[in-house]
PDB file of N, CA and C in Angstrom:
ATOM      1  N   MET A   1      18.698  13.920  -2.503  1.00  0.00           N
ATOM      2  CA  MET A   1      19.083  13.268  -3.740  1.00  0.00           C
ATOM      3  C   MET A   1      17.838  13.122  -4.624  1.00  0.00           C
ATOM      4  N   ALA A   2      17.952  13.490  -5.853  1.00  0.00           N
ATOM      5  CA  ALA A   2      16.824  13.445  -6.790  1.00  0.00           C
ATOM      6  C   ALA A   2      16.583  12.020  -7.294  1.00  0.00           C
ATOM      7  N   LEU A   3      15.438  11.836  -7.907  1.00  0.00           N
ATOM      8  CA  LEU A   3      15.111  10.558  -8.523  1.00  0.00           C
ATOM      9  C   LEU A   3      16.038  10.304  -9.703  1.00  0.00           C
ATOM     10  N   SER A   4      16.312   9.040 -10.004  1.00  0.00           N
ATOM     11  CA  SER A   4      17.126   8.710 -11.169  1.00  0.00           C
ATOM     12  C   SER A   4      16.341   9.068 -12.427  1.00  0.00           C
ATOM     13  N   GLU A   5      17.011   9.107 -13.547  1.00  0.00           N
ATOM     14  CA  GLU A   5      16.342   9.447 -14.812  1.00  0.00           C
ATOM     15  C   GLU A   5      15.224   8.443 -15.129  1.00  0.00           C
ATOM     16  N   PHE A   6      15.482   7.167 -14.874  1.00  0.00           N
ATOM     17  CA  PHE A   6      14.471   6.132 -15.098  1.00  0.00           C
ATOM     18  C   PHE A   6      13.259   6.343 -14.188  1.00  0.00           C
ATOM     19  N   GLU A   7      13.522   6.573 -12.878  1.00  0.00           N
ATOM     20  CA  GLU A   7      12.429   6.809 -11.919  1.00  0.00           C
ATOM     21  C   GLU A   7      11.646   8.062 -12.281  1.00  0.00           C
ATOM     22  N   LEU A   8      12.339   9.082 -12.728  1.00  0.00           N
ATOM     23  CA  LEU A   8      11.696  10.332 -13.123  1.00  0.00           C
ATOM     24  C   LEU A   8      10.749  10.109 -14.302  1.00  0.00           C
ATOM     25  N   LYS A   9      11.204   9.392 -15.319  1.00  0.00           N
ATOM     26  CA  LYS A   9      10.365   9.101 -16.490  1.00  0.00           C
ATOM     27  C   LYS A   9       9.143   8.280 -16.095  1.00  0.00           C
ATOM     28  N   LYS A  10       9.347   7.316 -15.202  1.00  0.00           N
ATOM     29  CA  LYS A  10       8.216   6.502 -14.737  1.00  0.00           C
ATOM     30  C   LYS A  10       7.201   7.382 -14.003  1.00  0.00           C
ATOM     31  N   CYS A  11       7.681   8.259 -13.130  1.00  0.00           N
ATOM     32  CA  CYS A  11       6.796   9.174 -12.401  1.00  0.00           C
ATOM     33  C   CYS A  11       6.019  10.060 -13.361  1.00  0.00           C
ATOM     34  N   GLU A  12       6.708  10.623 -14.336  1.00  0.00           N
ATOM     35  CA  GLU A  12       6.047  11.494 -15.318  1.00  0.00           C
ATOM     36  C   GLU A  12       4.942  10.742 -16.053  1.00  0.00           C
ATOM     37  N   LYS A  13       5.213   9.503 -16.418  1.00  0.00           N
ATOM     38  CA  LYS A  13       4.226   8.705 -17.154  1.00  0.00           C
ATOM     39  C   LYS A  13       3.022   8.367 -16.276  1.00  0.00           C
ATOM     40  N   VAL A  14       3.287   7.822 -15.091  1.00  0.00           N
ATOM     41  CA  VAL A  14       2.209   7.360 -14.206  1.00  0.00           C
ATOM     42  C   VAL A  14       1.360   8.528 -13.706  1.00  0.00           C
ATOM     43  N   VAL A  15       2.004   9.564 -13.216  1.00  0.00           N
ATOM     44  CA  VAL A  15       1.251  10.715 -12.693  1.00  0.00           C
ATOM     45  C   VAL A  15       0.601  11.484 -13.839  1.00  0.00           C
ATOM     46  N   GLY A  16       1.279  11.581 -14.966  1.00  0.00           N
ATOM     47  CA  GLY A  16       0.702  12.235 -16.136  1.00  0.00           C
ATOM     48  C   GLY A  16      -0.590  11.574 -16.580  1.00  0.00           C
ATOM     49  N   GLU A  17      -0.609  10.247 -16.591  1.00  0.00           N
ATOM     50  CA  GLU A  17      -1.829   9.514 -16.960  1.00  0.00           C
ATOM     51  C   GLU A  17      -2.938   9.750 -15.941  1.00  0.00           C
ATOM     52  N   PHE A  18      -2.589   9.754 -14.660  1.00  0.00           N
ATOM     53  CA  PHE A  18      -3.574  10.004 -13.600  1.00  0.00           C
ATOM     54  C   PHE A  18      -4.203  11.394 -13.756  1.00  0.00           C
ATOM     55  N   VAL A  19      -3.347  12.389 -13.932  1.00  0.00           N
ATOM     56  CA  VAL A  19      -3.826  13.771 -14.062  1.00  0.00           C
ATOM     57  C   VAL A  19      -4.679  13.921 -15.323  1.00  0.00           C
ATOM     58  N   GLU A  20      -4.237  13.343 -16.413  1.00  0.00           N
ATOM     59  CA  GLU A  20      -4.979  13.465 -17.680  1.00  0.00           C
ATOM     60  C   GLU A  20      -6.389  12.883 -17.559  1.00  0.00           C
ATOM     61  N   LYS A  21      -6.531  11.780 -16.839  1.00  0.00           N
ATOM     62  CA  LYS A  21      -7.856  11.168 -16.642  1.00  0.00           C
ATOM     63  C   LYS A  21      -8.777  12.049 -15.804  1.00  0.00           C
ATOM     64  N   ARG A  22      -8.204  12.820 -14.895  1.00  0.00           N
ATOM     65  CA  ARG A  22      -9.003  13.621 -13.961  1.00  0.00           C
ATOM     66  C   ARG A  22      -9.207  15.066 -14.417  1.00  0.00           C
ATOM     67  N   ARG A  23      -8.525  15.475 -15.466  1.00  0.00           N
ATOM     68  CA  ARG A  23      -8.678  16.861 -15.938  1.00  0.00           C
ATOM     69  C   ARG A  23     -10.115  17.099 -16.393  1.00  0.00           C
ATOM     70  N   PRO A  24     -10.613  18.310 -16.189  1.00  0.00           N
ATOM     71  CA  PRO A  24     -11.975  18.616 -16.647  1.00  0.00           C
ATOM     72  C   PRO A  24     -12.035  18.710 -18.169  1.00  0.00           C
ATOM     73  N   PRO A  25     -13.250  18.764 -18.731  1.00  0.00           N
ATOM     74  CA  PRO A  25     -13.382  18.904 -20.185  1.00  0.00           C
ATOM     75  C   PRO A  25     -12.696  20.182 -20.680  1.00  0.00           C
ATOM     76  N   LEU A  26     -12.338  20.200 -21.955  1.00  0.00           N
ATOM     77  CA  LEU A  26     -11.607  21.335 -22.539  1.00  0.00           C
ATOM     78  C   LEU A  26     -12.271  22.682 -22.273  1.00  0.00           C
ATOM     79  N   HIS A  27     -13.589  22.754 -22.380  1.00  0.00           N
ATOM     80  CA  HIS A  27     -14.266  24.044 -22.232  1.00  0.00           C
ATOM     81  C   HIS A  27     -14.239  24.576 -20.797  1.00  0.00           C
ATOM     82  N   VAL A  28     -13.840  23.754 -19.827  1.00  0.00           N
ATOM     83  CA  VAL A  28     -13.788  24.166 -18.421  1.00  0.00           C
ATOM     84  C   VAL A  28     -12.364  24.547 -18.001  1.00  0.00           C
ATOM     85  N   ARG A  29     -11.369  24.135 -18.739  1.00  0.00           N
ATOM     86  CA  ARG A  29      -9.977  24.237 -18.296  1.00  0.00           C
ATOM     87  C   ARG A  29      -9.456  25.656 -18.091  1.00  0.00           C
ATOM     88  N   LYS A  30     -10.113  26.662 -18.652  1.00  0.00           N
ATOM     89  CA  LYS A  30      -9.688  28.036 -18.361  1.00  0.00           C
ATOM     90  C   LYS A  30     -10.084  28.438 -16.941  1.00  0.00           C
ATOM     91  N   GLN A  31     -11.104  27.776 -16.404  1.00  0.00           N
ATOM     92  CA  GLN A  31     -11.582  28.074 -15.059  1.00  0.00           C
ATOM     93  C   GLN A  31     -11.038  27.104 -14.010  1.00  0.00           C
ATOM     94  N   LEU A  32     -10.740  25.897 -14.416  1.00  0.00           N
ATOM     95  CA  LEU A  32     -10.210  24.887 -13.503  1.00  0.00           C
ATOM     96  C   LEU A  32      -9.458  23.836 -14.299  1.00  0.00           C
ATOM     97  N   ASP A  33      -8.233  23.573 -13.879  1.00  0.00           N
ATOM     98  CA  ASP A  33      -7.444  22.531 -14.521  1.00  0.00           C
ATOM     99  C   ASP A  33      -6.643  21.817 -13.441  1.00  0.00           C
ATOM    100  N   LEU A  34      -5.985  20.765 -13.821  1.00  0.00           N
ATOM    101  CA  LEU A  34      -5.196  19.969 -12.901  1.00  0.00           C
ATOM    102  C   LEU A  34      -3.808  19.813 -13.486  1.00  0.00           C
ATOM    103  N   GLY A  35      -2.797  19.896 -12.627  1.00  0.00           N
ATOM    104  CA  GLY A  35      -1.424  19.745 -13.083  1.00  0.00           C
ATOM    105  C   GLY A  35      -0.588  19.023 -12.037  1.00  0.00           C
ATOM    106  N   PHE A  36       0.667  18.797 -12.370  1.00  0.00           N
ATOM    107  CA  PHE A  36       1.592  18.180 -11.421  1.00  0.00           C
ATOM    108  C   PHE A  36       3.000  18.646 -11.714  1.00  0.00           C
ATOM    109  N   ARG A  37       3.844  18.495 -10.714  1.00  0.00           N
ATOM    110  CA  ARG A  37       5.274  18.795 -10.885  1.00  0.00           C
ATOM    111  C   ARG A  37       6.070  17.779 -10.088  1.00  0.00           C
ATOM    112  N   ILE A  38       7.273  17.546 -10.573  1.00  0.00           N
ATOM    113  CA  ILE A  38       8.206  16.671  -9.864  1.00  0.00           C
ATOM    114  C   ILE A  38       9.410  17.521  -9.526  1.00  0.00           C
ATOM    115  N   LYS A  39       9.731  17.558  -8.243  1.00  0.00           N
ATOM    116  CA  LYS A  39      10.862  18.368  -7.786  1.00  0.00           C
ATOM    117  C   LYS A  39      11.655  17.539  -6.781  1.00  0.00           C
ATOM    118  N   GLY A  40      12.895  17.263  -7.127  1.00  0.00           N
ATOM    119  CA  GLY A  40      13.705  16.410  -6.262  1.00  0.00           C
ATOM    120  C   GLY A  40      13.095  15.021  -6.202  1.00  0.00           C
ATOM    121  N   GLN A  41      12.714  14.585  -5.013  1.00  0.00           N
ATOM    122  CA  GLN A  41      12.100  13.274  -4.825  1.00  0.00           C
ATOM    123  C   GLN A  41      10.613  13.402  -4.527  1.00  0.00           C
ATOM    124  N   SER A  42      10.043  14.562  -4.783  1.00  0.00           N
ATOM    125  CA  SER A  42       8.632  14.803  -4.473  1.00  0.00           C
ATOM    126  C   SER A  42       7.808  14.987  -5.737  1.00  0.00           C
ATOM    127  N   VAL A  43       6.563  14.523  -5.648  1.00  0.00           N
ATOM    128  CA  VAL A  43       5.584  14.706  -6.706  1.00  0.00           C
ATOM    129  C   VAL A  43       4.417  15.459  -6.073  1.00  0.00           C
ATOM    130  N   GLU A  44       4.027  16.564  -6.689  1.00  0.00           N
ATOM    131  CA  GLU A  44       2.921  17.366  -6.177  1.00  0.00           C
ATOM    132  C   GLU A  44       1.842  17.481  -7.243  1.00  0.00           C
ATOM    133  N   ILE A  45       0.601  17.276  -6.843  1.00  0.00           N
ATOM    134  CA  ILE A  45      -0.556  17.436  -7.724  1.00  0.00           C
ATOM    135  C   ILE A  45      -1.285  18.688  -7.264  1.00  0.00           C
ATOM    136  N   PHE A  46      -1.716  19.522  -8.214  1.00  0.00           N
ATOM    137  CA  PHE A  46      -2.356  20.785  -7.851  1.00  0.00           C
ATOM    138  C   PHE A  46      -3.434  21.168  -8.853  1.00  0.00           C
ATOM    139  N   GLU A  47      -4.378  21.984  -8.385  1.00  0.00           N
ATOM    140  CA  GLU A  47      -5.396  22.569  -9.255  1.00  0.00           C
ATOM    141  C   GLU A  47      -4.901  23.919  -9.737  1.00  0.00           C
ATOM    142  N   ILE A  48      -5.304  24.293 -10.934  1.00  0.00           N
ATOM    143  CA  ILE A  48      -4.934  25.577 -11.523  1.00  0.00           C
ATOM    144  C   ILE A  48      -6.225  26.351 -11.761  1.00  0.00           C
ATOM    145  N   ARG A  49      -6.292  27.557 -11.206  1.00  0.00           N
ATOM    146  CA  ARG A  49      -7.491  28.394 -11.315  1.00  0.00           C
ATOM    147  C   ARG A  49      -7.085  29.841 -11.577  1.00  0.00           C
ATOM    148  N   PRO A  50      -8.007  30.638 -12.117  1.00  0.00           N
ATOM    149  CA  PRO A  50      -7.723  32.068 -12.218  1.00  0.00           C
ATOM    150  C   PRO A  50      -7.811  32.715 -10.832  1.00  0.00           C
ATOM    151  N   LEU A  51      -7.016  33.725 -10.610  1.00  0.00           N
ATOM    152  CA  LEU A  51      -7.068  34.490  -9.368  1.00  0.00           C
ATOM    153  C   LEU A  51      -8.419  35.191  -9.300  1.00  0.00           C
ATOM    154  N   TRP A  52      -9.082  35.154  -8.170  1.00  0.00           N
ATOM    155  CA  TRP A  52     -10.460  35.641  -8.065  1.00  0.00           C
ATOM    156  C   TRP A  52     -10.620  37.104  -8.468  1.00  0.00           C
ATOM    157  N   ASN A  53      -9.621  37.950  -8.143  1.00  0.00           N
ATOM    158  CA  ASN A  53      -9.763  39.376  -8.454  1.00  0.00           C
ATOM    159  C   ASN A  53      -8.964  39.814  -9.680  1.00  0.00           C
ATOM    160  N   ASP A  54      -8.286  38.872 -10.326  1.00  0.00           N
ATOM    161  CA  ASP A  54      -7.547  39.162 -11.556  1.00  0.00           C
ATOM    162  C   ASP A  54      -7.496  37.883 -12.386  1.00  0.00           C
ATOM    163  N   PRO A  55      -8.560  37.621 -13.155  1.00  0.00           N
ATOM    164  CA  PRO A  55      -8.662  36.351 -13.889  1.00  0.00           C
ATOM    165  C   PRO A  55      -7.536  36.095 -14.888  1.00  0.00           C
ATOM    166  N   GLU A  56      -6.763  37.105 -15.211  1.00  0.00           N
ATOM    167  CA  GLU A  56      -5.636  36.910 -16.127  1.00  0.00           C
ATOM    168  C   GLU A  56      -4.484  36.166 -15.440  1.00  0.00           C
ATOM    169  N   LYS A  57      -4.436  36.232 -14.119  1.00  0.00           N
ATOM    170  CA  LYS A  57      -3.391  35.545 -13.360  1.00  0.00           C
ATOM    171  C   LYS A  57      -3.907  34.186 -12.908  1.00  0.00           C
ATOM    172  N   LYS A  58      -3.032  33.204 -12.951  1.00  0.00           N
ATOM    173  CA  LYS A  58      -3.384  31.849 -12.531  1.00  0.00           C
ATOM    174  C   LYS A  58      -2.751  31.554 -11.171  1.00  0.00           C
ATOM    175  N   ILE A  59      -3.479  30.800 -10.356  1.00  0.00           N
ATOM    176  CA  ILE A  59      -2.943  30.356  -9.077  1.00  0.00           C
ATOM    177  C   ILE A  59      -2.990  28.831  -9.030  1.00  0.00           C
ATOM    178  N   GLU A  60      -2.167  28.277  -8.186  1.00  0.00           N
ATOM    179  CA  GLU A  60      -2.146  26.830  -7.979  1.00  0.00           C
ATOM    180  C   GLU A  60      -2.585  26.532  -6.561  1.00  0.00           C
ATOM    181  N   GLU A  61      -3.504  25.583  -6.435  1.00  0.00           N
ATOM    182  CA  GLU A  61      -3.973  25.151  -5.122  1.00  0.00           C
ATOM    183  C   GLU A  61      -3.575  23.684  -4.941  1.00  0.00           C
ATOM    184  N   ALA A  62      -2.812  23.418  -3.905  1.00  0.00           N
ATOM    185  CA  ALA A  62      -2.280  22.079  -3.661  1.00  0.00           C
ATOM    186  C   ALA A  62      -3.392  21.062  -3.458  1.00  0.00           C
ATOM    187  N   VAL A  63      -3.173  19.873  -3.993  1.00  0.00           N
ATOM    188  CA  VAL A  63      -4.104  18.761  -3.815  1.00  0.00           C
ATOM    189  C   VAL A  63      -3.439  17.672  -2.978  1.00  0.00           C
ATOM    190  N   ALA A  64      -2.295  17.190  -3.409  1.00  0.00           N
ATOM    191  CA  ALA A  64      -1.618  16.092  -2.710  1.00  0.00           C
ATOM    192  C   ALA A  64      -0.128  16.120  -3.040  1.00  0.00           C
ATOM    193  N   LYS A  65       0.647  15.514  -2.153  1.00  0.00           N
ATOM    194  CA  LYS A  65       2.092  15.463  -2.356  1.00  0.00           C
ATOM    195  C   LYS A  65       2.611  14.127  -1.824  1.00  0.00           C
ATOM    196  N   THR A  66       3.614  13.599  -2.495  1.00  0.00           N
ATOM    197  CA  THR A  66       4.303  12.409  -2.009  1.00  0.00           C
ATOM    198  C   THR A  66       5.806  12.603  -2.205  1.00  0.00           C
ATOM    199  N   THR A  67       6.563  12.060  -1.289  1.00  0.00           N
ATOM    200  CA  THR A  67       8.015  12.152  -1.348  1.00  0.00           C
ATOM    201  C   THR A  67       8.613  10.765  -1.190  1.00  0.00           C
ATOM    202  N   TYR A  68       9.497  10.408  -2.115  1.00  0.00           N
ATOM    203  CA  TYR A  68      10.131   9.089  -2.082  1.00  0.00           C
ATOM    204  C   TYR A  68      11.293   9.096  -1.097  1.00  0.00           C
ATOM    205  N   VAL A  69      11.328   8.087  -0.226  1.00  0.00           N
ATOM    206  CA  VAL A  69      12.418   7.915   0.732  1.00  0.00           C
ATOM    207  C   VAL A  69      13.173   6.659   0.305  1.00  0.00           C
ATOM    208  N   LYS A  70      14.360   6.872  -0.260  1.00  0.00           N
ATOM    209  CA  LYS A  70      15.104   5.751  -0.859  1.00  0.00           C
ATOM    210  C   LYS A  70      15.505   4.684   0.154  1.00  0.00           C
ATOM    211  N   ASN A  71      15.931   5.086   1.345  1.00  0.00           N
ATOM    212  CA  ASN A  71      16.419   4.064   2.282  1.00  0.00           C
ATOM    213  C   ASN A  71      15.313   3.146   2.784  1.00  0.00           C
ATOM    214  N   SER A  72      14.060   3.611   2.815  1.00  0.00           N
ATOM    215  CA  SER A  72      12.957   2.733   3.226  1.00  0.00           C
ATOM    216  C   SER A  72      12.153   2.230   2.026  1.00  0.00           C
ATOM    217  N   LYS A  73      12.461   2.759   0.846  1.00  0.00           N
ATOM    218  CA  LYS A  73      11.760   2.399  -0.396  1.00  0.00           C
ATOM    219  C   LYS A  73      10.250   2.592  -0.255  1.00  0.00           C
ATOM    220  N   GLU A  74       9.878   3.733   0.337  1.00  0.00           N
ATOM    221  CA  GLU A  74       8.470   4.075   0.527  1.00  0.00           C
ATOM    222  C   GLU A  74       8.217   5.506   0.071  1.00  0.00           C
ATOM    223  N   TRP A  75       6.967   5.791  -0.184  1.00  0.00           N
ATOM    224  CA  TRP A  75       6.521   7.137  -0.533  1.00  0.00           C
ATOM    225  C   TRP A  75       5.748   7.702   0.656  1.00  0.00           C
ATOM    226  N   ASN A  76       6.214   8.806   1.232  1.00  0.00           N
ATOM    227  CA  ASN A  76       5.475   9.479   2.289  1.00  0.00           C
ATOM    228  C   ASN A  76       4.349  10.285   1.649  1.00  0.00           C
ATOM    229  N   VAL A  77       3.180  10.254   2.270  1.00  0.00           N
ATOM    230  CA  VAL A  77       1.989  10.898   1.713  1.00  0.00           C
ATOM    231  C   VAL A  77       1.646  12.129   2.544  1.00  0.00           C
ATOM    232  N   TYR A  78       1.345  13.239   1.844  1.00  0.00           N
ATOM    233  CA  TYR A  78       1.026  14.508   2.509  1.00  0.00           C
ATOM    234  C   TYR A  78      -0.234  15.128   1.924  1.00  0.00           C
ATOM    235  N   TRP A  79      -0.904  15.907   2.745  1.00  0.00           N
ATOM    236  CA  TRP A  79      -2.028  16.724   2.299  1.00  0.00           C
ATOM    237  C   TRP A  79      -1.846  18.110   2.905  1.00  0.00           C
ATOM    238  N   GLN A  80      -2.451  19.106   2.286  1.00  0.00           N
ATOM    239  CA  GLN A  80      -2.275  20.476   2.755  1.00  0.00           C
ATOM    240  C   GLN A  80      -3.505  20.916   3.526  1.00  0.00           C
ATOM    241  N   ARG A  81      -3.284  21.307   4.767  1.00  0.00           N
ATOM    242  CA  ARG A  81      -4.382  21.757   5.622  1.00  0.00           C
ATOM    243  C   ARG A  81      -4.637  23.244   5.408  1.00  0.00           C
ATOM    244  N   ALA A  82      -5.601  23.770   6.132  1.00  0.00           N
ATOM    245  CA  ALA A  82      -5.984  25.182   6.011  1.00  0.00           C
ATOM    246  C   ALA A  82      -4.834  26.124   6.365  1.00  0.00           C
ATOM    247  N   ASP A  83      -3.848  25.649   7.127  1.00  0.00           N
ATOM    248  CA  ASP A  83      -2.694  26.491   7.470  1.00  0.00           C
ATOM    249  C   ASP A  83      -1.690  26.593   6.317  1.00  0.00           C
ATOM    250  N   LEU A  84      -2.021  25.961   5.180  1.00  0.00           N
ATOM    251  CA  LEU A  84      -1.197  25.963   3.963  1.00  0.00           C
ATOM    252  C   LEU A  84       0.151  25.266   4.143  1.00  0.00           C
ATOM    253  N   LYS A  85       0.224  24.377   5.132  1.00  0.00           N
ATOM    254  CA  LYS A  85       1.427  23.575   5.347  1.00  0.00           C
ATOM    255  C   LYS A  85       1.103  22.121   5.025  1.00  0.00           C
ATOM    256  N   TRP A  86       2.129  21.404   4.569  1.00  0.00           N
ATOM    257  CA  TRP A  86       1.959  19.984   4.279  1.00  0.00           C
ATOM    258  C   TRP A  86       1.985  19.199   5.574  1.00  0.00           C
ATOM    259  N   HIS A  87       1.031  18.270   5.719  1.00  0.00           N
ATOM    260  CA  HIS A  87       0.941  17.404   6.885  1.00  0.00           C
ATOM    261  C   HIS A  87       0.887  15.957   6.423  1.00  0.00           C
ATOM    262  N   ARG A  88       1.473  15.071   7.216  1.00  0.00           N
ATOM    263  CA  ARG A  88       1.406  13.642   6.885  1.00  0.00           C
ATOM    264  C   ARG A  88      -0.049  13.212   6.859  1.00  0.00           C
ATOM    265  N   TYR A  89      -0.380  12.376   5.950  1.00  0.00           N
ATOM    266  CA  TYR A  89      -1.731  11.855   5.794  1.00  0.00           C
ATOM    267  C   TYR A  89      -1.873  10.691   6.768  1.00  0.00           C
ATOM    268  N   ASP A  90      -2.379  10.977   7.969  1.00  0.00           N
ATOM    269  CA  ASP A  90      -2.391   9.999   9.057  1.00  0.00           C
ATOM    270  C   ASP A  90      -3.120   8.687   8.759  1.00  0.00           C
ATOM    271  N   PRO A  91      -4.206   8.683   8.002  1.00  0.00           N
ATOM    272  CA  PRO A  91      -4.821   7.386   7.724  1.00  0.00           C
ATOM    273  C   PRO A  91      -3.875   6.415   7.007  1.00  0.00           C
ATOM    274  N   ASN A  92      -2.928   6.961   6.247  1.00  0.00           N
ATOM    275  CA  ASN A  92      -1.986   6.131   5.505  1.00  0.00           C
ATOM    276  C   ASN A  92      -0.738   6.975   5.228  1.00  0.00           C
ATOM    277  N   PRO A  93       0.163   7.149   6.208  1.00  0.00           N
ATOM    278  CA  PRO A  93       1.281   8.079   6.067  1.00  0.00           C
ATOM    279  C   PRO A  93       2.351   7.695   5.049  1.00  0.00           C
ATOM    280  N   SER A  94       2.397   6.415   4.664  1.00  0.00           N
ATOM    281  CA  SER A  94       3.351   6.024   3.633  1.00  0.00           C
ATOM    282  C   SER A  94       2.799   4.837   2.861  1.00  0.00           C
ATOM    283  N   VAL A  95       3.255   4.736   1.618  1.00  0.00           N
ATOM    284  CA  VAL A  95       2.828   3.657   0.733  1.00  0.00           C
ATOM    285  C   VAL A  95       4.061   3.090   0.039  1.00  0.00           C
ATOM    286  N   LYS A  96       3.907   1.926  -0.551  1.00  0.00           N
ATOM    287  CA  LYS A  96       5.049   1.240  -1.184  1.00  0.00           C
ATOM    288  C   LYS A  96       5.284   1.664  -2.631  1.00  0.00           C
ATOM    289  N   SER A  97       4.255   2.262  -3.275  1.00  0.00           N
ATOM    290  CA  SER A  97       4.436   2.615  -4.688  1.00  0.00           C
ATOM    291  C   SER A  97       3.711   3.909  -5.029  1.00  0.00           C
ATOM    292  N   LEU A  98       4.121   4.493  -6.116  1.00  0.00           N
ATOM    293  CA  LEU A  98       3.478   5.704  -6.617  1.00  0.00           C
ATOM    294  C   LEU A  98       2.033   5.413  -7.007  1.00  0.00           C
ATOM    295  N   GLU A  99       1.796   4.247  -7.565  1.00  0.00           N
ATOM    296  CA  GLU A  99       0.429   3.859  -7.937  1.00  0.00           C
ATOM    297  C   GLU A  99      -0.475   3.777  -6.709  1.00  0.00           C
ATOM    298  N   GLU A 100       0.059   3.280  -5.609  1.00  0.00           N
ATOM    299  CA  GLU A 100      -0.714   3.199  -4.359  1.00  0.00           C
ATOM    300  C   GLU A 100      -1.052   4.602  -3.853  1.00  0.00           C
ATOM    301  N   PHE A 101      -0.107   5.527  -3.980  1.00  0.00           N
ATOM    302  CA  PHE A 101      -0.364   6.928  -3.621  1.00  0.00           C
ATOM    303  C   PHE A 101      -1.501   7.494  -4.464  1.00  0.00           C
ATOM    304  N   LEU A 102      -1.451   7.271  -5.768  1.00  0.00           N
ATOM    305  CA  LEU A 102      -2.481   7.795  -6.661  1.00  0.00           C
ATOM    306  C   LEU A 102      -3.847   7.169  -6.371  1.00  0.00           C
ATOM    307  N   ASP A 103      -3.874   5.914  -5.965  1.00  0.00           N
ATOM    308  CA  ASP A 103      -5.131   5.277  -5.556  1.00  0.00           C
ATOM    309  C   ASP A 103      -5.715   5.976  -4.332  1.00  0.00           C
ATOM    310  N   LEU A 104      -4.852   6.304  -3.364  1.00  0.00           N
ATOM    311  CA  LEU A 104      -5.309   7.027  -2.170  1.00  0.00           C
ATOM    312  C   LEU A 104      -5.920   8.378  -2.550  1.00  0.00           C
ATOM    313  N   VAL A 105      -5.229   9.086  -3.420  1.00  0.00           N
ATOM    314  CA  VAL A 105      -5.697  10.409  -3.847  1.00  0.00           C
ATOM    315  C   VAL A 105      -7.023  10.286  -4.593  1.00  0.00           C
ATOM    316  N   ALA A 106      -7.129   9.308  -5.464  1.00  0.00           N
ATOM    317  CA  ALA A 106      -8.359   9.123  -6.247  1.00  0.00           C
ATOM    318  C   ALA A 106      -9.543   8.786  -5.345  1.00  0.00           C
ATOM    319  N   LYS A 107      -9.334   7.920  -4.370  1.00  0.00           N
ATOM    320  CA  LYS A 107     -10.423   7.529  -3.471  1.00  0.00           C
ATOM    321  C   LYS A 107     -10.797   8.667  -2.525  1.00  0.00           C
ATOM    322  N   ASP A 108      -9.804   9.378  -2.028  1.00  0.00           N
ATOM    323  CA  ASP A 108     -10.002  10.544  -1.142  1.00  0.00           C
ATOM    324  C   ASP A 108     -11.062  10.277  -0.078  1.00  0.00           C
ATOM    325  N   GLU A 109     -10.931   9.168   0.620  1.00  0.00           N
ATOM    326  CA  GLU A 109     -11.934   8.713   1.585  1.00  0.00           C
ATOM    327  C   GLU A 109     -12.256   9.735   2.677  1.00  0.00           C
ATOM    328  N   TYR A 110     -11.282  10.552   3.056  1.00  0.00           N
ATOM    329  CA  TYR A 110     -11.479  11.510   4.142  1.00  0.00           C
ATOM    330  C   TYR A 110     -11.583  12.951   3.637  1.00  0.00           C
ATOM    331  N   ALA A 111     -11.744  13.124   2.338  1.00  0.00           N
ATOM    332  CA  ALA A 111     -11.894  14.449   1.706  1.00  0.00           C
ATOM    333  C   ALA A 111     -10.741  15.382   2.056  1.00  0.00           C
ATOM    334  N   CYS A 112      -9.542  14.841   2.108  1.00  0.00           N
ATOM    335  CA  CYS A 112      -8.356  15.644   2.415  1.00  0.00           C
ATOM    336  C   CYS A 112      -7.703  16.222   1.164  1.00  0.00           C
ATOM    337  N   PHE A 113      -7.851  15.557   0.041  1.00  0.00           N
ATOM    338  CA  PHE A 113      -7.152  15.979  -1.163  1.00  0.00           C
ATOM    339  C   PHE A 113      -7.995  16.910  -2.023  1.00  0.00           C
ATOM    340  N   PHE A 114      -9.110  16.422  -2.503  1.00  0.00           N
ATOM    341  CA  PHE A 114      -9.958  17.232  -3.363  1.00  0.00           C
ATOM    342  C   PHE A 114     -11.120  17.882  -2.604  1.00  0.00           C
ATOM    343  N   GLY A 115     -11.190  17.643  -1.295  1.00  0.00           N
ATOM    344  CA  GLY A 115     -12.242  18.268  -0.485  1.00  0.00           C
ATOM    345  C   GLY A 115     -13.469  17.576  -0.610  1.00  0.00           C
TER     346      GLY A 115
END
């Protein structure tokens, strides 16, 4: 089940503000940028870079993901390991709010999100 229209707008606003604060300066954005998407009940943050052997093509590299679980009213937190699969973020596998998730990502205490 997807997020309600109200929840979706709130997610877009909160995550949009987070991403905008962390984006690199304008002159760097062709080489590295930050974006996000909301799909179903999940929010994914990713870096955008040119493909190493074809700079005209852009690739996305996952940074962090959270999924809202309505029955527990919590956000599950994930990070992507070298196997390119999402894994629960064991230091803090779930949080109560989207803002708490973004705080975890910003602090990145274990270098799981931004390395």
